[in-house]
Protein backbone atom coordinates (compact mmCIF):
# COMPACT_ATOMS: atom_id res chain seq x y z
CA UNK A 1 -5.44 5.35 12.98
CA UNK A 2 -1.75 3.47 12.57
CA UNK A 3 -2.44 2.04 8.51
CA UNK A 4 -0.06 -0.51 6.31
CA UNK A 5 -0.05 0.07 2.39
CA UNK A 6 1.26 -2.02 -0.08
CA UNK A 7 2.59 -2.11 -3.05
CA UNK A 8 2.43 -5.66 -4.98
CA UNK A 9 5.49 -6.57 -6.79
CA UNK A 10 7.79 -9.74 -7.40
CA UNK A 11 11.00 -8.44 -7.27
CA UNK A 12 10.09 -5.09 -5.20
CA UNK A 13 6.85 -5.12 -2.68
CA UNK A 14 6.79 -1.63 -1.18
CA UNK A 15 5.17 -1.66 2.12
CA UNK A 16 4.48 2.34 3.75
CA UNK A 17 3.05 2.49 7.06
CA UNK A 18 1.49 6.06 8.31
CA UNK A 19 -0.15 7.56 11.49
CA UNK A 20 -3.95 9.33 10.43
CA UNK A 21 -6.56 11.05 11.56
CA UNK A 22 -7.91 10.93 7.32
CA UNK A 23 -6.68 14.97 7.05
CA UNK A 24 -3.23 14.23 8.88
CA UNK A 25 -0.92 12.08 7.58
CA UNK A 26 2.46 10.98 9.51
CA UNK A 27 5.21 9.08 7.72
CA UNK A 28 5.23 5.83 10.50
CA UNK A 29 7.61 3.50 8.35
CA UNK A 30 9.08 2.88 4.39
CA UNK A 31 10.32 0.34 2.91
CA UNK A 32 11.60 -2.86 0.02
CA UNK A 33 11.45 -6.21 0.53
CA UNK A 34 13.80 -6.82 -2.24
CA UNK A 35 13.78 -10.49 -3.50
CA UNK A 36 15.78 -12.44 -5.96
CA UNK A 37 14.53 -12.71 -9.87
CA UNK A 38 17.21 -16.11 -9.66
CA UNK A 39 15.15 -18.24 -6.61
CA UNK A 40 12.81 -19.92 -7.32
CA UNK A 41 8.79 -17.77 -7.80
CA UNK A 42 8.47 -19.59 -4.53
CA UNK A 43 11.05 -19.11 -2.33
CA UNK A 44 10.27 -15.30 -3.38
CA UNK A 45 6.59 -15.27 -2.44
CA UNK A 46 7.89 -17.04 1.08
CA UNK A 47 10.08 -13.89 2.02
CA UNK A 48 7.57 -11.67 1.01
CA UNK A 49 5.28 -12.89 3.08
CA UNK A 50 7.42 -13.60 5.26
CA UNK A 51 8.82 -10.02 5.45
CA UNK A 52 4.98 -8.34 5.24
CA UNK A 53 4.52 -10.64 8.75
CA UNK A 54 7.58 -8.48 10.19
CA UNK A 55 6.42 -5.27 9.33
CA UNK A 56 2.89 -6.52 10.89
CA UNK A 57 4.52 -7.02 13.83
CA UNK A 58 6.67 -4.34 14.44
CA UNK A 59 4.59 -1.57 13.42
CA UNK A 60 0.92 -3.21 14.14
CA UNK A 61 -1.45 -1.34 12.31
CA UNK A 62 -5.35 -0.92 12.24
CA UNK A 63 -5.67 -1.82 9.18
CA UNK A 64 -3.93 -2.80 5.64
CA UNK A 65 -4.18 -1.53 1.81
CA UNK A 66 -3.41 -2.69 -1.31
CA UNK A 67 -4.38 -1.71 -4.80
CA UNK A 68 -7.02 -3.64 -6.37
CA UNK A 69 -5.71 -6.26 -9.44
CA UNK A 70 -4.91 -4.32 -12.84
CA UNK A 71 -5.75 -5.42 -16.63
CA UNK A 72 -1.49 -5.73 -17.76
CA UNK A 73 -0.91 -6.36 -21.18
CA UNK A 74 2.07 -9.29 -20.29
CA UNK A 75 -0.50 -12.19 -19.18
CA UNK A 76 3.06 -13.22 -16.91
CA UNK A 77 3.59 -10.54 -14.57
CA UNK A 78 -0.20 -9.69 -13.97
CA UNK A 79 -0.34 -13.78 -13.05
CA UNK A 80 2.78 -13.13 -11.13
CA UNK A 81 1.35 -9.61 -9.54
CA UNK A 82 -1.95 -11.81 -9.20
CA UNK A 83 -0.07 -14.32 -6.54
CA UNK A 84 2.41 -11.63 -4.59
CA UNK A 85 -1.22 -9.61 -3.59
CA UNK A 86 -2.99 -13.59 -2.93
CA UNK A 87 -0.71 -13.69 -0.32
CA UNK A 88 0.03 -10.02 0.78
CA UNK A 89 -3.84 -10.27 1.30
CA UNK A 90 -2.97 -13.56 3.51
CA UNK A 91 -0.58 -11.72 5.76
CA UNK A 92 -3.29 -9.33 6.55
CA UNK A 93 -5.81 -11.48 7.11
CA UNK A 94 -3.93 -13.69 9.13
CA UNK A 95 -3.13 -10.10 11.34
CA UNK A 96 -7.38 -9.98 11.57
CA UNK A 97 -6.49 -6.10 10.67
CA UNK A 98 -9.08 -4.23 8.34
CA UNK A 99 -8.53 -4.39 4.78
CA UNK A 100 -8.99 -1.58 2.42
CA UNK A 101 -8.98 -2.57 -1.63
CA UNK A 102 -8.54 0.47 -4.15
CA UNK A 103 -8.15 0.95 -7.87
CA UNK A 104 -5.68 3.10 -9.39
CA UNK A 105 -7.73 5.30 -10.27
CA UNK A 106 -8.96 5.81 -6.27
CA UNK A 107 -5.38 5.67 -5.21
CA UNK A 108 -4.12 8.38 -8.08
CA UNK A 109 -8.03 10.77 -6.66
CA UNK A 110 -7.40 10.15 -2.57
CA UNK A 111 -3.72 12.14 -3.09
CA UNK A 112 -3.41 14.11 -6.38
CA UNK A 113 -7.19 14.86 -6.80
CA UNK A 114 -7.01 13.67 -10.55
CA UNK A 115 -7.62 10.02 -11.18
CA UNK A 116 -5.00 10.54 -14.44
CA UNK A 117 -1.95 11.23 -12.50
CA UNK A 118 1.08 10.68 -13.39
CA UNK A 119 3.76 8.94 -11.07
CA UNK A 120 6.18 11.47 -10.34
CA UNK A 121 3.26 13.49 -9.07
CA UNK A 122 1.77 11.38 -7.04
CA UNK A 123 5.30 11.08 -5.61
CA UNK A 124 5.02 15.04 -5.17
CA UNK A 125 2.02 15.15 -3.38
CA UNK A 126 2.50 12.01 -1.00
CA UNK A 127 5.85 14.21 0.13
CA UNK A 128 4.14 16.72 0.36
CA UNK A 129 0.90 15.44 2.60
CA UNK A 130 3.32 13.46 4.61
CA UNK A 131 5.42 16.58 5.27
CA UNK A 132 8.48 15.27 4.06
CA UNK A 133 11.89 17.14 4.30
CA UNK A 134 13.98 14.48 2.18
CA UNK A 135 12.37 12.56 -0.79
CA UNK A 136 11.47 8.58 -0.18
CA UNK A 137 14.18 6.72 -1.69
CA UNK A 138 11.71 4.38 -3.17
CA UNK A 139 8.66 4.11 -6.05
CA UNK A 140 7.77 1.59 -4.12
CA UNK A 141 7.54 2.13 -0.96
CA UNK A 142 6.19 5.61 -2.23
CA UNK A 143 3.11 4.14 -3.80
CA UNK A 144 2.95 2.24 -0.59
CA UNK A 145 2.53 5.08 0.89
CA UNK A 146 -0.07 6.29 -1.57
CA UNK A 147 -2.62 3.00 -1.47
CA UNK A 148 -2.59 3.74 3.07
CA UNK A 149 -3.14 8.07 2.36
CA UNK A 150 -5.94 6.95 0.60
CA UNK A 151 -7.23 3.64 2.90
CA UNK A 152 -6.93 6.45 5.88
CA UNK A 153 -8.56 8.83 3.45
CA UNK A 154 -11.81 6.73 2.93
CA UNK A 155 -11.68 5.15 6.13
CA UNK A 156 -12.38 8.59 7.69
CA UNK A 157 -14.99 9.27 5.24
CA UNK A 158 -17.09 6.07 5.88
CA UNK A 159 -17.07 6.79 9.42
CA UNK A 160 -18.29 9.83 8.88
CA UNK A 161 -21.12 8.61 7.21
CA UNK A 162 -22.02 5.52 8.95
CA UNK A 163 -22.50 7.71 11.39
CA UNK A 164 -24.95 10.54 10.33
CA UNK A 165 -27.07 7.90 7.73
CA UNK A 166 -26.27 4.42 10.88
């Protein structure tokens, strides 16, 4: 299954596409959608939406995943993040993709095995799980890949449970 992970941000939105069977993961694509803080916010949102649609068109994932909204000390930052997340959810819904939403705790637990893992630990495990020889140059893309790995792992577990229970 091809899975798109999205790490939302108003200046840098990371994306990562993996191919996964739930236990083995392979990097397909990763990158960052960058916007200019000086541009009007609505223009930045439009650029993020356009770019995500292009990633979806280019790679045709079967599913997508994003991080759930978390509490932030800065309300303005949290609101901007929520707007970007809304744009990402819209692009995913327009494409008719299966959607997964995960808390930071779930993502870290899936990737590292420890919900309180540091960002660097997540990056090391993403590289390891994808079998990469070179580091991913962007933290945002790496975080998006962690979201995709989390979804792939959960989707297979969910499918197995439904097969056993249903």
